[in-house]
């Protein structure tokens, strides 16, 4: 216990799925949590569950593609907890489509959340972490995907956004290291993880049971992952245990990309 004791951590998309697992785990390990999302009711419920268990957490409504909202949530986080030590850029969407059928509107919407949101989160995280007194090591964790490492014939826009997150993370990691800012920046690349979003997608596209079997078969380890499989990786990168890790890709995919 206490792996991120007293660190202030902001997690976007923290209401459900992977984000919920991250905030619950970091709270259990001593972090003060800022949950942001556009899903207000589950976000508020998670924050209440953390505080009821003796932790510290707040929920803030937040569209990650809006810079003014980034300025607002970071200011509120710092006002409430005095500093910002960890930012996890987790919020994202996925849209599958044949390239010739992809609309520019859908492309831009996906990029605004998956890539612009990471850019804005990283930008304002650096500004806040540079202002920390006393100065301690900050950590920015950007959620990419296995789809940022390998291609998928029906996920061109998603591939592009997650590939962008991967290489942008490396660039910013070098900038922070070269300027001795004390801020580490890393990306996490999940394989298929069993979340409500994945289950609902399968339900709408042929059936949950058969879809689950097909997804399990894609991973050499024999099954899809669980949200805490990713949350533990994020916890490591958020903690000082990873003080020598920056610009890295943490792939958590059951062997998917090893094939």
C-alpha atoms as a PDB file:
ATOM      1  CA  UNK A   1       0.000   0.000   0.000  1.00  0.00           C
ATOM      2  CA  UNK A   2       1.027   3.623  -0.449  1.00  0.00           C
ATOM      3  CA  UNK A   3       2.781   3.326  -3.811  1.00  0.00           C
ATOM      4  CA  UNK A   4       1.515   6.794  -4.819  1.00  0.00           C
ATOM      5  CA  UNK A   5       0.921   8.133  -1.327  1.00  0.00           C
ATOM      6  CA  UNK A   6      -0.224  11.790  -1.313  1.00  0.00           C
ATOM      7  CA  UNK A   7       0.363  12.271  -5.045  1.00  0.00           C
ATOM      8  CA  UNK A   8      -2.366  14.249  -6.790  1.00  0.00           C
ATOM      9  CA  UNK A   9      -3.502  12.359  -9.881  1.00  0.00           C
ATOM     10  CA  UNK A  10      -5.886  13.559 -12.598  1.00  0.00           C
ATOM     11  CA  UNK A  11      -7.387  10.857 -14.817  1.00  0.00           C
ATOM     12  CA  UNK A  12      -9.461  11.720 -17.878  1.00  0.00           C
ATOM     13  CA  UNK A  13     -12.227   9.330 -18.855  1.00  0.00           C
ATOM     14  CA  UNK A  14     -12.145   8.194 -15.244  1.00  0.00           C
ATOM     15  CA  UNK A  15     -15.832   7.388 -14.769  1.00  0.00           C
ATOM     16  CA  UNK A  16     -15.996   3.881 -16.234  1.00  0.00           C
ATOM     17  CA  UNK A  17     -13.921   1.082 -17.735  1.00  0.00           C
ATOM     18  CA  UNK A  18     -10.151   1.462 -17.704  1.00  0.00           C
ATOM     19  CA  UNK A  19     -10.279   4.918 -16.171  1.00  0.00           C
ATOM     20  CA  UNK A  20     -12.421   3.779 -13.269  1.00  0.00           C
ATOM     21  CA  UNK A  21     -10.006   0.924 -12.553  1.00  0.00           C
ATOM     22  CA  UNK A  22      -7.093   3.370 -12.590  1.00  0.00           C
ATOM     23  CA  UNK A  23      -8.620   5.862 -10.168  1.00  0.00           C
ATOM     24  CA  UNK A  24      -9.812   3.194  -7.749  1.00  0.00           C
ATOM     25  CA  UNK A  25      -6.386   1.525  -7.679  1.00  0.00           C
ATOM     26  CA  UNK A  26      -4.425   4.759  -7.286  1.00  0.00           C
ATOM     27  CA  UNK A  27      -6.796   5.911  -4.560  1.00  0.00           C
ATOM     28  CA  UNK A  28      -6.248   2.609  -2.729  1.00  0.00           C
ATOM     29  CA  UNK A  29      -2.511   3.267  -3.017  1.00  0.00           C
ATOM     30  CA  UNK A  30      -2.783   6.689  -1.380  1.00  0.00           C
ATOM     31  CA  UNK A  31      -3.287   9.162  -4.233  1.00  0.00           C
ATOM     32  CA  UNK A  32      -5.629  12.143  -4.135  1.00  0.00           C
ATOM     33  CA  UNK A  33      -7.797  11.726  -7.206  1.00  0.00           C
ATOM     34  CA  UNK A  34      -9.300  14.111  -9.750  1.00  0.00           C
ATOM     35  CA  UNK A  35     -11.723  12.207 -11.985  1.00  0.00           C
ATOM     36  CA  UNK A  36     -12.733  13.941 -15.207  1.00  0.00           C
ATOM     37  CA  UNK A  37     -15.204  12.743 -17.816  1.00  0.00           C
ATOM     38  CA  UNK A  38     -18.364  13.660 -19.710  1.00  0.00           C
ATOM     39  CA  UNK A  39     -20.233  10.835 -17.955  1.00  0.00           C
ATOM     40  CA  UNK A  40     -21.217  12.704 -14.818  1.00  0.00           C
ATOM     41  CA  UNK A  41     -23.356  10.261 -12.865  1.00  0.00           C
ATOM     42  CA  UNK A  42     -20.887   7.335 -12.809  1.00  0.00           C
ATOM     43  CA  UNK A  43     -17.989   9.749 -12.252  1.00  0.00           C
ATOM     44  CA  UNK A  44     -19.638  11.275  -9.219  1.00  0.00           C
ATOM     45  CA  UNK A  45     -20.459   7.781  -7.935  1.00  0.00           C
ATOM     46  CA  UNK A  46     -16.824   6.668  -8.199  1.00  0.00           C
ATOM     47  CA  UNK A  47     -15.615   9.816  -6.415  1.00  0.00           C
ATOM     48  CA  UNK A  48     -18.143   9.211  -3.630  1.00  0.00           C
ATOM     49  CA  UNK A  49     -17.084   5.573  -3.291  1.00  0.00           C
ATOM     50  CA  UNK A  50     -13.469   6.655  -2.872  1.00  0.00           C
ATOM     51  CA  UNK A  51     -14.276   9.295  -0.261  1.00  0.00           C
ATOM     52  CA  UNK A  52     -16.636   6.953   1.581  1.00  0.00           C
ATOM     53  CA  UNK A  53     -13.729   4.506   1.850  1.00  0.00           C
ATOM     54  CA  UNK A  54     -11.566   7.192   3.453  1.00  0.00           C
ATOM     55  CA  UNK A  55      -9.798   8.483   0.355  1.00  0.00           C
ATOM     56  CA  UNK A  56      -9.807  11.886  -1.316  1.00  0.00           C
ATOM     57  CA  UNK A  57     -11.424  12.397  -4.717  1.00  0.00           C
ATOM     58  CA  UNK A  58     -13.406  14.916  -6.733  1.00  0.00           C
ATOM     59  CA  UNK A  59     -15.255  14.622 -10.018  1.00  0.00           C
ATOM     60  CA  UNK A  60     -15.227  17.336 -12.715  1.00  0.00           C
ATOM     61  CA  UNK A  61     -17.118  17.438 -16.009  1.00  0.00           C
ATOM     62  CA  UNK A  62     -14.549  17.685 -18.784  1.00  0.00           C
ATOM     63  CA  UNK A  63     -14.462  17.602 -22.580  1.00  0.00           C
ATOM     64  CA  UNK A  64     -10.796  16.860 -23.281  1.00  0.00           C
ATOM     65  CA  UNK A  65     -10.953  18.480 -26.743  1.00  0.00           C
ATOM     66  CA  UNK A  66     -11.721  21.885 -25.190  1.00  0.00           C
ATOM     67  CA  UNK A  67      -8.663  23.823 -23.999  1.00  0.00           C
ATOM     68  CA  UNK A  68     -10.689  26.162 -21.792  1.00  0.00           C
ATOM     69  CA  UNK A  69     -12.030  23.131 -19.940  1.00  0.00           C
ATOM     70  CA  UNK A  70      -8.490  21.824 -19.480  1.00  0.00           C
ATOM     71  CA  UNK A  71      -7.488  25.145 -17.933  1.00  0.00           C
ATOM     72  CA  UNK A  72     -10.523  24.943 -15.651  1.00  0.00           C
ATOM     73  CA  UNK A  73     -10.048  21.366 -14.392  1.00  0.00           C
ATOM     74  CA  UNK A  74      -6.317  21.832 -13.779  1.00  0.00           C
ATOM     75  CA  UNK A  75      -6.969  25.062 -11.885  1.00  0.00           C
ATOM     76  CA  UNK A  76      -9.648  23.355  -9.770  1.00  0.00           C
ATOM     77  CA  UNK A  77      -7.370  20.386  -9.085  1.00  0.00           C
ATOM     78  CA  UNK A  78      -4.556  22.636  -7.912  1.00  0.00           C
ATOM     79  CA  UNK A  79      -6.947  24.809  -5.902  1.00  0.00           C
ATOM     80  CA  UNK A  80      -8.352  21.737  -4.142  1.00  0.00           C
ATOM     81  CA  UNK A  81      -5.191  19.726  -3.553  1.00  0.00           C
ATOM     82  CA  UNK A  82      -2.384  22.300  -3.890  1.00  0.00           C
ATOM     83  CA  UNK A  83      -0.478  20.661  -6.745  1.00  0.00           C
ATOM     84  CA  UNK A  84      -0.635  18.171  -9.609  1.00  0.00           C
ATOM     85  CA  UNK A  85       1.765  15.217  -9.736  1.00  0.00           C
ATOM     86  CA  UNK A  86       0.218  12.745 -12.197  1.00  0.00           C
ATOM     87  CA  UNK A  87      -1.901  13.192 -15.308  1.00  0.00           C
ATOM     88  CA  UNK A  88      -3.288  10.156 -17.110  1.00  0.00           C
ATOM     89  CA  UNK A  89      -4.626  11.015 -20.558  1.00  0.00           C
ATOM     90  CA  UNK A  90      -7.025   8.102 -20.809  1.00  0.00           C
ATOM     91  CA  UNK A  91     -10.148   9.513 -22.500  1.00  0.00           C
ATOM     92  CA  UNK A  92     -10.676   8.239 -26.030  1.00  0.00           C
ATOM     93  CA  UNK A  93     -13.155   6.923 -28.564  1.00  0.00           C
ATOM     94  CA  UNK A  94     -12.998   4.303 -31.317  1.00  0.00           C
ATOM     95  CA  UNK A  95     -14.743   4.364 -34.676  1.00  0.00           C
ATOM     96  CA  UNK A  96     -14.322   1.606 -37.256  1.00  0.00           C
ATOM     97  CA  UNK A  97     -14.842   2.423 -40.917  1.00  0.00           C
ATOM     98  CA  UNK A  98     -13.528   1.668 -44.401  1.00  0.00           C
ATOM     99  CA  UNK A  99     -11.123   4.469 -45.432  1.00  0.00           C
ATOM    100  CA  UNK A 100     -13.146   5.499 -48.463  1.00  0.00           C
ATOM    101  CA  UNK A 101     -16.308   5.706 -46.343  1.00  0.00           C
ATOM    102  CA  UNK A 102     -14.767   7.699 -43.467  1.00  0.00           C
ATOM    103  CA  UNK A 103     -16.218  11.186 -43.224  1.00  0.00           C
ATOM    104  CA  UNK A 104     -13.997  14.138 -42.481  1.00  0.00           C
ATOM    105  CA  UNK A 105     -16.342  15.046 -39.650  1.00  0.00           C
ATOM    106  CA  UNK A 106     -15.877  11.641 -37.973  1.00  0.00           C
ATOM    107  CA  UNK A 107     -12.104  11.760 -38.562  1.00  0.00           C
ATOM    108  CA  UNK A 108     -11.800  15.175 -36.953  1.00  0.00           C
ATOM    109  CA  UNK A 109     -14.022  14.261 -34.004  1.00  0.00           C
ATOM    110  CA  UNK A 110     -11.920  11.184 -33.237  1.00  0.00           C
ATOM    111  CA  UNK A 111      -8.674  13.145 -33.568  1.00  0.00           C
ATOM    112  CA  UNK A 112      -9.987  15.944 -31.367  1.00  0.00           C
ATOM    113  CA  UNK A 113     -10.514  13.520 -28.487  1.00  0.00           C
ATOM    114  CA  UNK A 114      -7.793  10.904 -28.989  1.00  0.00           C
ATOM    115  CA  UNK A 115      -4.950  13.162 -30.124  1.00  0.00           C
ATOM    116  CA  UNK A 116      -5.842  16.791 -29.398  1.00  0.00           C
ATOM    117  CA  UNK A 117      -6.996  15.716 -25.935  1.00  0.00           C
ATOM    118  CA  UNK A 118      -3.615  14.122 -25.216  1.00  0.00           C
ATOM    119  CA  UNK A 119      -1.782  17.188 -26.532  1.00  0.00           C
ATOM    120  CA  UNK A 120      -3.842  19.539 -24.348  1.00  0.00           C
ATOM    121  CA  UNK A 121      -3.541  17.289 -21.305  1.00  0.00           C
ATOM    122  CA  UNK A 122       0.211  17.046 -21.707  1.00  0.00           C
ATOM    123  CA  UNK A 123       0.596  20.792 -22.260  1.00  0.00           C
ATOM    124  CA  UNK A 124      -1.355  21.780 -19.162  1.00  0.00           C
ATOM    125  CA  UNK A 125       0.134  18.979 -17.062  1.00  0.00           C
ATOM    126  CA  UNK A 126       3.630  20.299 -17.760  1.00  0.00           C
ATOM    127  CA  UNK A 127       2.600  23.846 -16.849  1.00  0.00           C
ATOM    128  CA  UNK A 128       1.076  22.705 -13.562  1.00  0.00           C
ATOM    129  CA  UNK A 129       3.916  20.350 -12.646  1.00  0.00           C
ATOM    130  CA  UNK A 130       6.563  23.015 -13.311  1.00  0.00           C
ATOM    131  CA  UNK A 131       4.808  25.183 -10.725  1.00  0.00           C
ATOM    132  CA  UNK A 132       4.849  22.521  -7.980  1.00  0.00           C
ATOM    133  CA  UNK A 133       6.424  23.686  -4.744  1.00  0.00           C
ATOM    134  CA  UNK A 134       8.414  21.831  -3.599  1.00  0.00           C
ATOM    135  CA  UNK A 135       9.438  20.461  -6.975  1.00  0.00           C
ATOM    136  CA  UNK A 136       9.088  16.687  -7.155  1.00  0.00           C
ATOM    137  CA  UNK A 137       8.993  14.194  -9.983  1.00  0.00           C
ATOM    138  CA  UNK A 138       5.883  14.448 -12.165  1.00  0.00           C
ATOM    139  CA  UNK A 139       4.467  11.727 -14.380  1.00  0.00           C
ATOM    140  CA  UNK A 140       2.338  11.976 -17.521  1.00  0.00           C
ATOM    141  CA  UNK A 141       0.845   8.717 -18.789  1.00  0.00           C
ATOM    142  CA  UNK A 142      -0.720   8.724 -22.252  1.00  0.00           C
ATOM    143  CA  UNK A 143      -3.042   5.896 -23.254  1.00  0.00           C
ATOM    144  CA  UNK A 144      -2.195   4.670 -26.736  1.00  0.00           C
ATOM    145  CA  UNK A 145      -3.112   1.140 -27.840  1.00  0.00           C
ATOM    146  CA  UNK A 146      -1.836  -1.916 -29.644  1.00  0.00           C
ATOM    147  CA  UNK A 147      -3.458  -0.053 -32.556  1.00  0.00           C
ATOM    148  CA  UNK A 148      -0.716   2.545 -32.163  1.00  0.00           C
ATOM    149  CA  UNK A 149       1.844  -0.190 -32.906  1.00  0.00           C
ATOM    150  CA  UNK A 150       0.187  -2.327 -35.594  1.00  0.00           C
ATOM    151  CA  UNK A 151      -2.393  -1.639 -38.277  1.00  0.00           C
ATOM    152  CA  UNK A 152      -5.999  -2.761 -38.539  1.00  0.00           C
ATOM    153  CA  UNK A 153      -7.791  -2.734 -41.906  1.00  0.00           C
ATOM    154  CA  UNK A 154     -10.916  -1.124 -40.468  1.00  0.00           C
ATOM    155  CA  UNK A 155      -9.448   1.278 -37.910  1.00  0.00           C
ATOM    156  CA  UNK A 156      -7.461   3.757 -39.965  1.00  0.00           C
ATOM    157  CA  UNK A 157      -8.430   6.871 -38.021  1.00  0.00           C
ATOM    158  CA  UNK A 158      -8.016   5.112 -34.684  1.00  0.00           C
ATOM    159  CA  UNK A 159      -4.627   3.726 -35.782  1.00  0.00           C
ATOM    160  CA  UNK A 160      -3.516   7.209 -36.804  1.00  0.00           C
ATOM    161  CA  UNK A 161      -4.611   8.778 -33.522  1.00  0.00           C
ATOM    162  CA  UNK A 162      -2.976   6.149 -31.324  1.00  0.00           C
ATOM    163  CA  UNK A 163       0.191   6.118 -33.415  1.00  0.00           C
ATOM    164  CA  UNK A 164       0.282   9.873 -32.942  1.00  0.00           C
ATOM    165  CA  UNK A 165      -0.016   9.471 -29.184  1.00  0.00           C
ATOM    166  CA  UNK A 166       2.902   7.039 -29.224  1.00  0.00           C
ATOM    167  CA  UNK A 167       5.392   9.282 -31.030  1.00  0.00           C
ATOM    168  CA  UNK A 168       4.173  12.529 -29.434  1.00  0.00           C
ATOM    169  CA  UNK A 169       4.831  10.949 -26.042  1.00  0.00           C
ATOM    170  CA  UNK A 170       8.441  10.227 -26.995  1.00  0.00           C
ATOM    171  CA  UNK A 171       8.993  13.772 -28.237  1.00  0.00           C
ATOM    172  CA  UNK A 172       7.659  15.354 -25.056  1.00  0.00           C
ATOM    173  CA  UNK A 173       9.583  12.895 -22.892  1.00  0.00           C
ATOM    174  CA  UNK A 174      12.814  14.041 -24.540  1.00  0.00           C
ATOM    175  CA  UNK A 175      11.865  17.691 -24.137  1.00  0.00           C
ATOM    176  CA  UNK A 176      11.171  17.273 -20.424  1.00  0.00           C
ATOM    177  CA  UNK A 177      14.350  15.233 -19.878  1.00  0.00           C
ATOM    178  CA  UNK A 178      16.606  17.580 -21.850  1.00  0.00           C
ATOM    179  CA  UNK A 179      15.284  20.560 -19.924  1.00  0.00           C
ATOM    180  CA  UNK A 180      15.592  18.771 -16.571  1.00  0.00           C
ATOM    181  CA  UNK A 181      11.956  19.410 -15.710  1.00  0.00           C
ATOM    182  CA  UNK A 182      11.650  16.326 -13.534  1.00  0.00           C
ATOM    183  CA  UNK A 183       8.635  15.181 -15.537  1.00  0.00           C
ATOM    184  CA  UNK A 184       8.467  11.700 -17.066  1.00  0.00           C
ATOM    185  CA  UNK A 185       6.202  10.956 -20.032  1.00  0.00           C
ATOM    186  CA  UNK A 186       5.279   7.421 -21.116  1.00  0.00           C
ATOM    187  CA  UNK A 187       2.649   5.648 -23.190  1.00  0.00           C
ATOM    188  CA  UNK A 188       0.598   2.548 -22.367  1.00  0.00           C
ATOM    189  CA  UNK A 189      -0.571   0.176 -25.108  1.00  0.00           C
ATOM    190  CA  UNK A 190      -3.436  -2.093 -24.048  1.00  0.00           C
ATOM    191  CA  UNK A 191      -4.621  -5.080 -26.015  1.00  0.00           C
ATOM    192  CA  UNK A 192      -8.331  -5.894 -25.999  1.00  0.00           C
ATOM    193  CA  UNK A 193      -9.673  -5.346 -22.491  1.00  0.00           C
ATOM    194  CA  UNK A 194     -13.078  -6.530 -21.288  1.00  0.00           C
ATOM    195  CA  UNK A 195     -14.958  -3.316 -20.527  1.00  0.00           C
ATOM    196  CA  UNK A 196     -18.604  -2.243 -20.848  1.00  0.00           C
ATOM    197  CA  UNK A 197     -17.686  -0.443 -24.086  1.00  0.00           C
ATOM    198  CA  UNK A 198     -16.318  -3.635 -25.664  1.00  0.00           C
ATOM    199  CA  UNK A 199     -19.246  -5.713 -24.411  1.00  0.00           C
ATOM    200  CA  UNK A 200     -21.772  -3.206 -25.771  1.00  0.00           C
ATOM    201  CA  UNK A 201     -19.980  -3.118 -29.128  1.00  0.00           C
ATOM    202  CA  UNK A 202     -20.168  -6.894 -29.408  1.00  0.00           C
ATOM    203  CA  UNK A 203     -23.822  -6.883 -28.401  1.00  0.00           C
ATOM    204  CA  UNK A 204     -24.565  -4.467 -31.238  1.00  0.00           C
ATOM    205  CA  UNK A 205     -22.458  -6.354 -33.778  1.00  0.00           C
ATOM    206  CA  UNK A 206     -23.300 -10.037 -33.749  1.00  0.00           C
ATOM    207  CA  UNK A 207     -23.374 -11.193 -30.145  1.00  0.00           C
ATOM    208  CA  UNK A 208     -21.397 -11.054 -26.923  1.00  0.00           C
ATOM    209  CA  UNK A 209     -20.556 -14.740 -26.432  1.00  0.00           C
ATOM    210  CA  UNK A 210     -19.188 -15.408 -29.919  1.00  0.00           C
ATOM    211  CA  UNK A 211     -17.472 -12.025 -29.984  1.00  0.00           C
ATOM    212  CA  UNK A 212     -15.743 -12.726 -26.689  1.00  0.00           C
ATOM    213  CA  UNK A 213     -14.437 -16.047 -27.997  1.00  0.00           C
ATOM    214  CA  UNK A 214     -13.092 -14.351 -31.109  1.00  0.00           C
ATOM    215  CA  UNK A 215     -11.330 -11.673 -29.077  1.00  0.00           C
ATOM    216  CA  UNK A 216      -9.876 -14.245 -26.665  1.00  0.00           C
ATOM    217  CA  UNK A 217      -8.413 -16.129 -29.635  1.00  0.00           C
ATOM    218  CA  UNK A 218      -6.514 -13.044 -30.819  1.00  0.00           C
ATOM    219  CA  UNK A 219      -4.272 -13.101 -27.745  1.00  0.00           C
ATOM    220  CA  UNK A 220      -1.593 -15.811 -27.367  1.00  0.00           C
ATOM    221  CA  UNK A 221      -2.181 -15.844 -23.612  1.00  0.00           C
ATOM    222  CA  UNK A 222      -5.668 -17.157 -24.383  1.00  0.00           C
ATOM    223  CA  UNK A 223      -8.003 -14.412 -23.212  1.00  0.00           C
ATOM    224  CA  UNK A 224      -8.657 -10.691 -23.267  1.00  0.00           C
ATOM    225  CA  UNK A 225      -7.422  -8.509 -20.441  1.00  0.00           C
ATOM    226  CA  UNK A 226      -9.193  -7.018 -17.442  1.00  0.00           C
ATOM    227  CA  UNK A 227      -9.215  -3.300 -16.527  1.00  0.00           C
ATOM    228  CA  UNK A 228      -6.879  -3.822 -13.572  1.00  0.00           C
ATOM    229  CA  UNK A 229      -4.263  -5.325 -15.906  1.00  0.00           C
ATOM    230  CA  UNK A 230      -3.908  -1.843 -17.372  1.00  0.00           C
ATOM    231  CA  UNK A 231      -4.451  -0.011 -14.089  1.00  0.00           C
ATOM    232  CA  UNK A 232      -1.451  -1.731 -12.493  1.00  0.00           C
ATOM    233  CA  UNK A 233       0.749  -0.631 -15.399  1.00  0.00           C
ATOM    234  CA  UNK A 234      -0.450   2.957 -15.018  1.00  0.00           C
ATOM    235  CA  UNK A 235       0.127   2.763 -11.258  1.00  0.00           C
ATOM    236  CA  UNK A 236       3.743   1.725 -11.864  1.00  0.00           C
ATOM    237  CA  UNK A 237       4.342   4.629 -14.254  1.00  0.00           C
ATOM    238  CA  UNK A 238       2.643   7.071 -11.878  1.00  0.00           C
ATOM    239  CA  UNK A 239       4.800   5.956  -8.954  1.00  0.00           C
ATOM    240  CA  UNK A 240       8.424   6.764  -8.193  1.00  0.00           C
ATOM    241  CA  UNK A 241       9.199   3.086  -8.798  1.00  0.00           C
ATOM    242  CA  UNK A 242       9.505   4.074 -12.469  1.00  0.00           C
ATOM    243  CA  UNK A 243      11.813   7.062 -11.846  1.00  0.00           C
ATOM    244  CA  UNK A 244      14.221   5.895 -14.607  1.00  0.00           C
ATOM    245  CA  UNK A 245      11.458   5.286 -17.147  1.00  0.00           C
ATOM    246  CA  UNK A 246      10.577   7.959 -19.702  1.00  0.00           C
ATOM    247  CA  UNK A 247       9.717   7.906 -23.391  1.00  0.00           C
ATOM    248  CA  UNK A 248       8.832   4.229 -23.017  1.00  0.00           C
ATOM    249  CA  UNK A 249       6.006   2.100 -24.420  1.00  0.00           C
ATOM    250  CA  UNK A 250       4.421  -0.159 -21.853  1.00  0.00           C
ATOM    251  CA  UNK A 251       2.665  -2.846 -23.902  1.00  0.00           C
ATOM    252  CA  UNK A 252       0.067  -4.825 -21.938  1.00  0.00           C
ATOM    253  CA  UNK A 253      -1.556  -7.046 -24.556  1.00  0.00           C
ATOM    254  CA  UNK A 254      -1.398 -10.749 -23.698  1.00  0.00           C
ATOM    255  CA  UNK A 255       1.186 -11.276 -26.449  1.00  0.00           C
ATOM    256  CA  UNK A 256      -0.939  -9.742 -29.247  1.00  0.00           C
ATOM    257  CA  UNK A 257       1.881  -7.681 -30.797  1.00  0.00           C
ATOM    258  CA  UNK A 258       4.508 -10.406 -30.277  1.00  0.00           C
ATOM    259  CA  UNK A 259       3.007 -12.453 -33.104  1.00  0.00           C
END
